[in-house]
Amino acid sequence: QVQLVESGGGLVQPGGSLKLSCAASGFSISRSAMNWYRQAPGKERELVAGITGIIIGKKYADSVKGRFTISRNSAKNTVYLQMNSLRPEDTGVYYCNAIPEGFPGDSWGQGTQVTVSS
C-alpha cells in the first residue's frame, strides 16, 4: 500500500527557512516521480518542485527557483523540500505527490501547513 507522510511545516518569518519531509512507504522513491505541490487559500493547487528517475532530474516553479531545493534520500525513502528566503506568498498547504512505479495513478499525502508571516 502506497503511503506518503509529510512533516516539517510551521510558522516562519519572511526571509526564514523551513525543510519539509515526505516519508514514503510501499514503493521505491528512486524509481518514481516525486513532487511537491502547494495550495494557497482561494487558489488552485500548483506544482512547486519535482524530482524523477534513477538519473535524477529536477524541476521547479519559476516562483521558487533559486530559493527552494528538492532532494531525496533513497536509503530513507524520503523526499525533502528545503525552502529558503521564504515570502508571505509561499504560505499554503504543501502536499507530497508520488507517481509510484508499478502502481496505477498517483498518490497524495495529507499535507502540511506553511505560514510565512511577521
Protein backbone atom coordinates (compact mmCIF):
# COMPACT_ATOMS: atom_id res chain seq x y z
CA GLN A 1 0.00 0.00 0.00
CA VAL A 2 1.35 3.40 -1.01
CA GLN A 3 1.59 5.91 1.81
CA LEU A 4 3.05 9.43 1.99
CA VAL A 5 3.50 11.31 5.25
CA GLU A 6 4.59 14.95 5.24
CA SER A 7 6.17 16.82 8.12
CA GLY A 8 8.14 19.98 8.79
CA GLY A 9 5.60 22.72 8.22
CA GLY A 10 5.06 25.61 10.59
CA LEU A 11 5.09 29.36 11.09
CA VAL A 12 8.15 31.27 9.94
CA GLN A 13 9.00 34.92 9.43
CA PRO A 14 9.67 36.33 5.96
CA GLY A 15 13.23 35.55 4.94
CA GLY A 16 13.30 32.42 7.08
CA SER A 17 13.72 28.77 6.16
CA LEU A 18 11.86 25.50 6.57
CA LYS A 19 12.60 21.95 5.48
CA LEU A 20 9.69 19.69 4.60
CA SER A 21 9.95 15.92 4.58
CA CYS A 22 7.84 13.31 2.81
CA ALA A 23 8.32 9.79 4.11
CA ALA A 24 7.14 7.21 1.57
CA SER A 25 6.23 3.58 2.07
CA GLY A 26 5.01 0.78 -0.16
CA PHE A 27 7.18 1.73 -3.15
CA SER A 28 10.65 2.99 -4.06
CA ILE A 29 11.04 6.74 -4.49
CA SER A 30 14.20 6.30 -6.57
CA ARG A 31 12.15 4.64 -9.31
CA SER A 32 9.23 7.05 -9.11
CA ALA A 33 8.36 10.66 -9.85
CA MET A 34 8.02 12.64 -6.64
CA ASN A 35 6.57 16.13 -6.45
CA TRP A 36 5.73 18.89 -4.02
CA TYR A 37 2.57 20.90 -4.61
CA ARG A 38 1.08 23.74 -2.63
CA GLN A 39 -2.35 25.27 -2.31
CA ALA A 40 -2.89 28.77 -1.01
CA PRO A 41 -6.28 29.87 0.34
CA GLY A 42 -8.66 30.52 -2.52
CA LYS A 43 -6.18 29.33 -5.15
CA GLU A 44 -5.68 26.18 -7.15
CA ARG A 45 -3.07 23.63 -6.21
CA GLU A 46 0.20 24.29 -8.04
CA LEU A 47 3.36 22.32 -8.69
CA VAL A 48 6.30 23.66 -6.70
CA ALA A 49 9.07 21.15 -7.41
CA GLY A 50 9.61 17.65 -8.77
CA ILE A 51 12.32 15.01 -8.82
CA THR A 52 12.40 11.96 -11.04
CA GLY A 53 14.31 8.98 -12.19
CA ILE A 54 17.29 6.85 -11.43
CA ILE A 55 19.30 9.54 -13.22
CA ILE A 56 17.97 12.43 -11.17
CA GLY A 57 16.03 15.16 -12.91
CA LYS A 58 14.61 18.16 -11.10
CA LYS A 59 12.11 20.86 -11.97
CA TYR A 60 10.88 23.97 -10.17
CA ALA A 61 8.15 26.53 -10.49
CA ASP A 62 9.56 29.87 -11.63
CA SER A 63 8.39 31.48 -8.39
CA VAL A 64 10.65 29.28 -6.25
CA LYS A 65 13.75 28.84 -8.43
CA GLY A 66 16.89 29.75 -6.54
CA ARG A 67 15.09 29.59 -3.17
CA PHE A 68 13.74 26.02 -2.91
CA THR A 69 15.64 22.77 -3.37
CA ILE A 70 14.11 19.33 -3.77
CA SER A 71 16.17 16.29 -2.82
CA ARG A 72 15.78 12.69 -1.80
CA ASN A 73 17.38 10.09 0.43
CA SER A 74 16.77 6.72 -1.17
CA ALA A 75 18.01 4.81 1.89
CA LYS A 76 15.32 6.53 3.98
CA ASN A 77 12.80 6.53 1.11
CA THR A 78 12.19 10.18 1.89
CA VAL A 79 11.91 13.30 -0.25
CA TYR A 80 12.71 16.76 1.08
CA LEU A 81 11.92 20.33 0.16
CA GLN A 82 14.37 22.89 1.54
CA MET A 83 12.74 26.31 1.46
CA ASN A 84 14.89 29.40 1.95
CA SER A 85 14.17 33.12 1.71
CA LEU A 86 10.51 32.43 2.38
CA ARG A 87 7.93 35.04 1.40
CA PRO A 88 4.36 35.60 2.56
CA GLU A 89 3.16 34.38 -0.84
CA ASP A 90 4.73 30.98 -0.10
CA THR A 91 2.03 30.43 2.51
CA GLY A 92 -0.20 27.43 1.91
CA VAL A 93 -0.69 23.74 2.47
CA TYR A 94 2.16 21.75 0.96
CA TYR A 95 1.40 18.30 -0.39
CA CYS A 96 3.69 15.47 -1.33
CA ASN A 97 2.69 13.68 -4.54
CA ALA A 98 4.02 10.44 -5.98
CA ILE A 99 3.64 8.66 -9.28
CA PRO A 100 4.88 5.33 -7.99
CA GLU A 101 6.46 2.80 -10.31
CA GLY A 102 4.30 -0.30 -10.51
CA PHE A 103 1.10 1.32 -9.26
CA PRO A 104 -1.75 2.90 -11.21
CA GLY A 105 -2.27 6.63 -10.95
CA ASP A 106 -0.71 8.87 -8.35
CA SER A 107 -0.90 9.27 -4.58
CA TRP A 108 -1.06 12.24 -2.19
CA GLY A 109 -0.04 12.92 1.36
CA GLN A 110 -2.28 14.65 3.89
CA GLY A 111 -0.48 17.99 3.56
CA THR A 112 1.47 20.21 5.93
CA GLN A 113 0.72 23.88 6.60
CA VAL A 114 3.38 26.50 5.91
CA THR A 115 2.69 30.04 7.08
CA VAL A 116 5.08 32.89 6.32
CA SER A 117 4.20 35.92 8.39
CA SER A 118 5.74 38.50 10.66
